[in-house]
C-alpha atoms as a PDB file:
ATOM      1  CA  MET A   1       0.000   0.000   0.000  1.00  0.00           C
ATOM      2  CA  THR A   2       1.365   3.407  -0.894  1.00  0.00           C
ATOM      3  CA  ASN A   3       0.902   6.637   0.976  1.00  0.00           C
ATOM      4  CA  ASN A   4      -0.391   9.305  -1.421  1.00  0.00           C
ATOM      5  CA  ASN A   5      -0.385  12.121   1.120  1.00  0.00           C
ATOM      6  CA  THR A   6       1.654  15.075  -0.036  1.00  0.00           C
ATOM      7  CA  THR A   7       2.879  17.969   2.006  1.00  0.00           C
ATOM      8  CA  LYS A   8       3.415  21.419   0.547  1.00  0.00           C
ATOM      9  CA  VAL A   9       6.916  22.553   1.395  1.00  0.00           C
ATOM     10  CA  ASN A  10       7.948  26.186   1.384  1.00  0.00           C
ATOM     11  CA  THR A  11      11.051  26.184  -0.816  1.00  0.00           C
ATOM     12  CA  MET A  12      11.730  29.903  -0.394  1.00  0.00           C
ATOM     13  CA  THR A  13      14.622  30.509   1.922  1.00  0.00           C
ATOM     14  CA  THR A  14      16.277  33.731   2.937  1.00  0.00           C
ATOM     15  CA  LYS A  15      19.576  32.277   4.122  1.00  0.00           C
ATOM     16  CA  THR A  16      21.426  32.767   0.825  1.00  0.00           C
ATOM     17  CA  LYS A  17      22.661  36.159  -0.258  1.00  0.00           C
ATOM     18  CA  GLN A  18      20.702  37.856  -2.990  1.00  0.00           C
ATOM     19  CA  PHE A  19      21.586  40.864  -5.103  1.00  0.00           C
ATOM     20  CA  ASP A  20      19.995  43.497  -7.301  1.00  0.00           C
ATOM     21  CA  VAL A  21      22.072  43.332 -10.488  1.00  0.00           C
ATOM     22  CA  THR A  22      22.180  46.086 -13.112  1.00  0.00           C
ATOM     23  CA  CYS A  23      23.579  44.717 -16.350  1.00  0.00           C
ATOM     24  CA  ILE A  24      23.766  45.363 -20.074  1.00  0.00           C
ATOM     25  CA  ASP A  25      20.923  43.043 -21.043  1.00  0.00           C
ATOM     26  CA  PRO A  26      21.287  41.509 -24.532  1.00  0.00           C
ATOM     27  CA  THR A  27      17.609  40.537 -24.574  1.00  0.00           C
ATOM     28  CA  TRP A  28      16.597  44.217 -24.272  1.00  0.00           C
ATOM     29  CA  ASN A  29      18.781  45.603 -27.109  1.00  0.00           C
ATOM     30  CA  ASN A  30      21.784  46.036 -24.789  1.00  0.00           C
ATOM     31  CA  ARG A  31      20.028  48.426 -22.424  1.00  0.00           C
ATOM     32  CA  GLU A  32      20.864  48.755 -18.746  1.00  0.00           C
ATOM     33  CA  VAL A  33      18.331  46.600 -16.895  1.00  0.00           C
ATOM     34  CA  THR A  34      18.069  45.832 -13.185  1.00  0.00           C
ATOM     35  CA  HIS A  35      17.265  42.261 -12.191  1.00  0.00           C
ATOM     36  CA  ARG A  36      15.954  41.970  -8.618  1.00  0.00           C
ATOM     37  CA  SER A  37      16.881  39.358  -6.006  1.00  0.00           C
ATOM     38  CA  ILE A  38      19.428  37.380  -7.998  1.00  0.00           C
ATOM     39  CA  SER A  39      21.105  34.551  -6.098  1.00  0.00           C
ATOM     40  CA  HIS A  40      24.846  34.674  -5.532  1.00  0.00           C
ATOM     41  CA  ASP A  41      25.500  31.588  -7.660  1.00  0.00           C
ATOM     42  CA  ARG A  42      24.565  33.482 -10.864  1.00  0.00           C
ATOM     43  CA  LEU A  43      27.403  36.004 -10.347  1.00  0.00           C
ATOM     44  CA  PHE A  44      31.026  35.220 -11.086  1.00  0.00           C
ATOM     45  CA  GLN A  45      34.326  36.889 -11.954  1.00  0.00           C
ATOM     46  CA  ASN A  46      36.095  36.427 -15.257  1.00  0.00           C
ATOM     47  CA  ASP A  47      39.864  36.186 -15.785  1.00  0.00           C
ATOM     48  CA  SER A  48      40.201  39.996 -15.627  1.00  0.00           C
ATOM     49  CA  GLY A  49      38.435  40.184 -12.259  1.00  0.00           C
ATOM     50  CA  GLU A  50      35.257  41.766 -13.660  1.00  0.00           C
ATOM     51  CA  THR A  51      31.956  40.674 -12.160  1.00  0.00           C
ATOM     52  CA  ARG A  52      29.779  38.915 -14.720  1.00  0.00           C
ATOM     53  CA  PHE A  53      26.187  37.666 -14.629  1.00  0.00           C
ATOM     54  CA  LYS A  54      24.599  34.454 -15.895  1.00  0.00           C
ATOM     55  CA  LEU A  55      21.289  35.714 -17.295  1.00  0.00           C
ATOM     56  CA  ASN A  56      19.966  32.387 -18.592  1.00  0.00           C
ATOM     57  CA  HIS A  57      21.182  29.222 -20.331  1.00  0.00           C
ATOM     58  CA  PHE A  58      21.838  31.143 -23.573  1.00  0.00           C
ATOM     59  CA  TYR A  59      23.421  34.331 -22.171  1.00  0.00           C
ATOM     60  CA  THR A  60      25.896  33.005 -19.634  1.00  0.00           C
ATOM     61  CA  ASP A  61      28.373  35.905 -19.584  1.00  0.00           C
ATOM     62  CA  VAL A  62      26.650  39.302 -19.349  1.00  0.00           C
ATOM     63  CA  GLU A  63      28.396  42.586 -18.496  1.00  0.00           C
ATOM     64  CA  VAL A  64      27.510  43.894 -15.020  1.00  0.00           C
ATOM     65  CA  VAL A  65      27.187  47.628 -14.305  1.00  0.00           C
ATOM     66  CA  SER A  66      26.468  47.417 -10.572  1.00  0.00           C
ATOM     67  CA  VAL A  67      25.626  44.906  -7.853  1.00  0.00           C
ATOM     68  CA  VAL A  68      23.784  45.820  -4.635  1.00  0.00           C
ATOM     69  CA  GLU A  69      23.201  43.291  -1.872  1.00  0.00           C
ATOM     70  CA  VAL A  70      19.560  42.936  -0.816  1.00  0.00           C
ATOM     71  CA  SER A  71      19.211  43.452   2.936  1.00  0.00           C
ATOM     72  CA  GLN A  72      18.234  40.531   5.141  1.00  0.00           C
ATOM     73  CA  ASP A  73      15.420  42.640   6.615  1.00  0.00           C
ATOM     74  CA  TYR A  74      13.888  43.035   3.155  1.00  0.00           C
ATOM     75  CA  LEU A  75      14.155  39.303   2.436  1.00  0.00           C
ATOM     76  CA  ASP A  76      12.571  38.444   5.800  1.00  0.00           C
ATOM     77  CA  ALA A  77       9.709  40.889   5.203  1.00  0.00           C
ATOM     78  CA  GLN A  78       9.170  39.460   1.717  1.00  0.00           C
ATOM     79  CA  LEU A  79       9.069  35.895   3.066  1.00  0.00           C
ATOM     80  CA  THR A  80       6.584  36.914   5.779  1.00  0.00           C
ATOM     81  CA  TYR A  81       4.337  38.562   3.183  1.00  0.00           C
ATOM     82  CA  PHE A  82       4.434  35.555   0.852  1.00  0.00           C
ATOM     83  CA  THR A  83       3.737  33.188   3.731  1.00  0.00           C
ATOM     84  CA  LYS A  84       0.723  35.225   4.826  1.00  0.00           C
ATOM     85  CA  TYR A  85      -0.799  36.180   1.469  1.00  0.00           C
ATOM     86  CA  GLY A  86       0.737  33.720  -0.982  1.00  0.00           C
ATOM     87  CA  THR A  87       2.294  34.596  -4.319  1.00  0.00           C
ATOM     88  CA  ALA A  88       0.894  35.209  -7.784  1.00  0.00           C
ATOM     89  CA  ASN A  89       2.415  31.917  -8.995  1.00  0.00           C
ATOM     90  CA  GLU A  90       0.382  29.613  -6.747  1.00  0.00           C
END
């Protein structure tokens, strides 16, 4: 006999650092675009020491203009809001 009970697990965590990244976005005709709450694993440094951004599977090396760390207070408030009211993707 199998147990078909499923439990919804909140996969959102605020323990990893997240950043607001302004980059030269090739999908927007090379305009400066800010991407919000990007995880640290999508940022890297090239051989010259410049910070680069992995936008998606096709654009893996995008020029970064600025990187600002998102405060832990903001992430905690966002998690509390989503826990209470849900998200648009549910």
